[in-house]
N, C-alpha and C. Protein backbone atom coordinates (compact mmCIF):
# COMPACT_ATOMS: atom_id res chain seq x y z
N UNK A 1 96.72 101.11 113.86
CA UNK A 1 97.44 100.32 112.76
C UNK A 1 96.79 99.12 112.13
N UNK A 2 97.00 99.05 110.89
CA UNK A 2 96.31 98.10 110.17
C UNK A 2 96.78 96.53 110.37
N UNK A 3 95.99 95.78 110.93
CA UNK A 3 96.45 94.35 111.10
C UNK A 3 95.87 93.38 110.11
N UNK A 4 96.66 92.85 109.17
CA UNK A 4 96.11 91.98 108.17
C UNK A 4 95.38 90.66 108.85
N UNK A 5 95.70 90.44 109.89
CA UNK A 5 95.18 89.04 110.58
C UNK A 5 93.81 89.37 110.83
N UNK A 6 93.30 90.66 111.04
CA UNK A 6 91.91 91.02 111.30
C UNK A 6 90.88 90.85 110.04
N UNK A 7 91.64 90.70 108.87
CA UNK A 7 90.91 90.55 107.76
C UNK A 7 89.91 89.26 107.65
N UNK A 8 88.86 89.26 107.15
CA UNK A 8 87.95 88.17 107.22
C UNK A 8 87.74 87.70 105.63
N UNK A 9 88.37 86.61 105.27
CA UNK A 9 88.27 86.15 103.97
C UNK A 9 86.78 85.91 103.55
N UNK A 10 85.89 85.68 104.42
CA UNK A 10 84.47 85.41 104.12
C UNK A 10 83.84 86.83 103.79
N UNK A 11 84.39 87.88 104.11
CA UNK A 11 83.86 89.24 103.91
C UNK A 11 84.90 90.07 102.87
N UNK A 12 84.59 89.82 101.65
CA UNK A 12 85.71 90.55 100.67
C UNK A 12 85.56 91.98 100.91
N UNK A 13 86.75 92.58 100.66
CA UNK A 13 86.82 94.12 100.83
C UNK A 13 87.82 94.40 99.70
N UNK A 14 87.76 95.79 99.39
CA UNK A 14 88.68 96.52 98.62
C UNK A 14 89.61 97.43 99.65
N UNK A 15 90.85 97.42 99.38
CA UNK A 15 91.79 98.17 100.13
C UNK A 15 92.44 99.27 99.33
N UNK A 16 91.93 100.52 99.64
CA UNK A 16 92.51 101.74 98.95
C UNK A 16 93.88 102.22 99.82
N UNK A 17 94.81 102.32 99.18
CA UNK A 17 96.18 102.65 99.86
C UNK A 17 96.66 103.87 99.29
N UNK A 18 96.89 104.89 100.14
CA UNK A 18 97.62 106.16 99.71
C UNK A 18 99.01 106.03 100.35
N UNK A 19 100.25 106.21 99.47
CA UNK A 19 101.56 106.31 99.93
C UNK A 19 102.25 107.32 99.39
N UNK A 20 102.95 108.25 100.05
CA UNK A 20 103.48 109.50 99.71
C UNK A 20 103.72 110.35 100.50
N UNK A 21 104.28 111.42 100.17
CA UNK A 21 104.60 112.70 101.18
C UNK A 21 103.28 112.87 101.83
N UNK A 22 103.45 113.18 103.26
CA UNK A 22 102.40 113.32 104.25
C UNK A 22 101.44 114.37 103.70
N UNK A 23 101.94 115.59 103.11
CA UNK A 23 100.92 116.41 102.60
C UNK A 23 100.09 116.04 101.44
N UNK A 24 100.65 115.25 100.53
CA UNK A 24 99.88 114.59 99.53
C UNK A 24 98.84 113.67 99.89
N UNK A 25 99.21 112.80 100.91
CA UNK A 25 98.35 111.87 101.43
C UNK A 25 97.13 112.65 101.92
N UNK A 26 97.48 113.60 102.76
CA UNK A 26 96.31 114.35 103.41
C UNK A 26 95.49 115.04 102.45
N UNK A 27 96.03 115.75 101.52
CA UNK A 27 95.31 116.35 100.35
C UNK A 27 94.26 115.41 99.67
N UNK A 28 94.97 114.32 99.40
CA UNK A 28 93.94 113.25 98.67
C UNK A 28 92.85 112.63 99.32
N UNK A 29 93.19 112.48 100.88
CA UNK A 29 92.06 112.15 101.65
C UNK A 29 90.99 113.02 101.79
N UNK A 30 91.35 114.33 101.78
CA UNK A 30 90.45 115.52 101.58
C UNK A 30 89.64 115.63 100.38
N UNK A 31 90.41 115.53 99.14
CA UNK A 31 89.75 115.21 97.95
C UNK A 31 88.60 114.25 97.97
N UNK A 32 88.93 113.14 98.30
CA UNK A 32 87.94 111.91 98.43
C UNK A 32 86.73 112.32 99.26
N UNK A 33 86.95 113.17 100.23
CA UNK A 33 85.98 113.43 101.37
C UNK A 33 85.01 114.54 100.48
N UNK A 34 85.73 115.35 99.81
CA UNK A 34 84.99 116.33 98.98
C UNK A 34 84.09 115.87 97.95
N UNK A 35 84.61 114.67 97.24
CA UNK A 35 83.98 113.85 96.26
C UNK A 35 82.80 113.05 96.84
N UNK A 36 82.69 113.08 98.22
CA UNK A 36 81.63 112.22 98.85
C UNK A 36 82.00 110.75 98.90
N UNK A 37 83.30 110.36 98.64
CA UNK A 37 83.62 108.90 98.60
C UNK A 37 84.05 108.44 100.11
N UNK A 38 84.89 109.11 100.81
CA UNK A 38 85.19 108.52 102.07
C UNK A 38 85.17 109.83 103.17
N UNK A 39 84.67 109.41 104.33
CA UNK A 39 84.98 110.42 105.38
C UNK A 39 86.47 110.33 106.00
N UNK A 40 86.94 111.22 106.49
CA UNK A 40 88.37 111.29 106.96
C UNK A 40 88.51 110.25 108.00
N UNK A 41 87.46 109.97 108.85
CA UNK A 41 87.58 109.10 109.97
C UNK A 41 87.75 107.52 109.51
N UNK A 42 87.34 107.42 108.12
CA UNK A 42 87.41 106.14 107.62
C UNK A 42 88.72 105.49 107.26
N UNK A 43 89.69 106.35 107.30
CA UNK A 43 91.11 106.18 106.78
C UNK A 43 92.06 105.71 108.01
N UNK A 44 92.81 104.75 107.91
CA UNK A 44 93.56 104.51 109.03
C UNK A 44 94.47 105.87 109.18
N UNK A 45 95.06 106.04 110.49
CA UNK A 45 95.92 106.84 110.79
C UNK A 45 97.20 106.94 110.03
N UNK A 46 97.71 108.12 109.41
CA UNK A 46 98.97 107.95 108.74
C UNK A 46 100.09 107.28 109.52
N UNK A 47 101.03 106.37 108.85
CA UNK A 47 101.97 105.71 109.40
C UNK A 47 103.36 105.99 108.63
N UNK A 48 104.25 106.35 109.37
CA UNK A 48 105.44 106.82 108.77
C UNK A 48 106.08 105.54 108.15
N UNK A 49 106.70 105.90 106.82
CA UNK A 49 107.43 104.88 106.30
C UNK A 49 109.01 104.91 106.36
N UNK A 50 109.64 104.07 107.16
CA UNK A 50 111.12 104.33 107.68
C UNK A 50 112.02 104.77 106.58
N UNK A 51 111.84 103.93 105.44
CA UNK A 51 112.85 104.06 104.40
C UNK A 51 112.63 105.17 103.41
N UNK A 52 111.62 105.87 103.66
CA UNK A 52 111.22 107.03 102.87
C UNK A 52 110.97 108.29 103.96
N UNK A 53 111.85 108.99 104.66
CA UNK A 53 111.45 110.05 105.42
C UNK A 53 110.63 110.98 104.82
N UNK A 54 109.64 111.39 105.61
CA UNK A 54 108.48 112.45 105.25
C UNK A 54 107.42 111.66 104.60
N UNK A 55 107.52 110.35 104.08
CA UNK A 55 106.46 109.67 103.55
C UNK A 55 105.66 108.83 104.38
N UNK A 56 104.48 108.86 104.15
CA UNK A 56 103.36 107.99 105.06
C UNK A 56 102.55 107.09 104.14
N UNK A 57 101.88 106.08 104.97
CA UNK A 57 101.01 105.22 104.32
C UNK A 57 99.51 105.48 105.12
N UNK A 58 98.44 105.34 104.39
CA UNK A 58 97.19 105.40 104.90
C UNK A 58 96.25 104.50 104.18
N UNK A 59 95.39 103.80 104.82
CA UNK A 59 94.46 102.72 104.12
C UNK A 59 93.10 102.95 104.56
N UNK A 60 92.23 102.76 103.29
CA UNK A 60 90.78 102.81 103.53
C UNK A 60 90.27 101.22 103.22
N UNK A 61 89.46 100.74 103.89
CA UNK A 61 88.82 99.25 103.62
C UNK A 61 87.47 99.43 103.29
N UNK A 62 87.07 99.12 102.35
CA UNK A 62 85.79 99.09 102.11
C UNK A 62 85.10 97.79 101.65
N UNK A 63 83.98 97.29 102.35
CA UNK A 63 83.42 95.99 102.05
C UNK A 63 82.72 96.01 100.70
N UNK A 64 82.88 94.92 99.98
CA UNK A 64 82.25 94.66 98.69
C UNK A 64 80.75 94.28 98.78
N UNK A 65 79.89 94.96 98.46
CA UNK A 65 78.42 94.70 98.54
C UNK A 65 77.96 94.21 97.27
């Protein structure tokens, strides 16, 4: 699970967030993998969104270099 307290302001990063139906989130992670942008293990595990049954959130954090 993503813990915002673990973020270090001295190391700026970009946060990519996918929110939507579980299958759409999975499909888009695969597309980004096929494009060579992000491996599947780099994404946080999908977390259910209680207010939207069937929807999940997944986050990718990339350091700014």
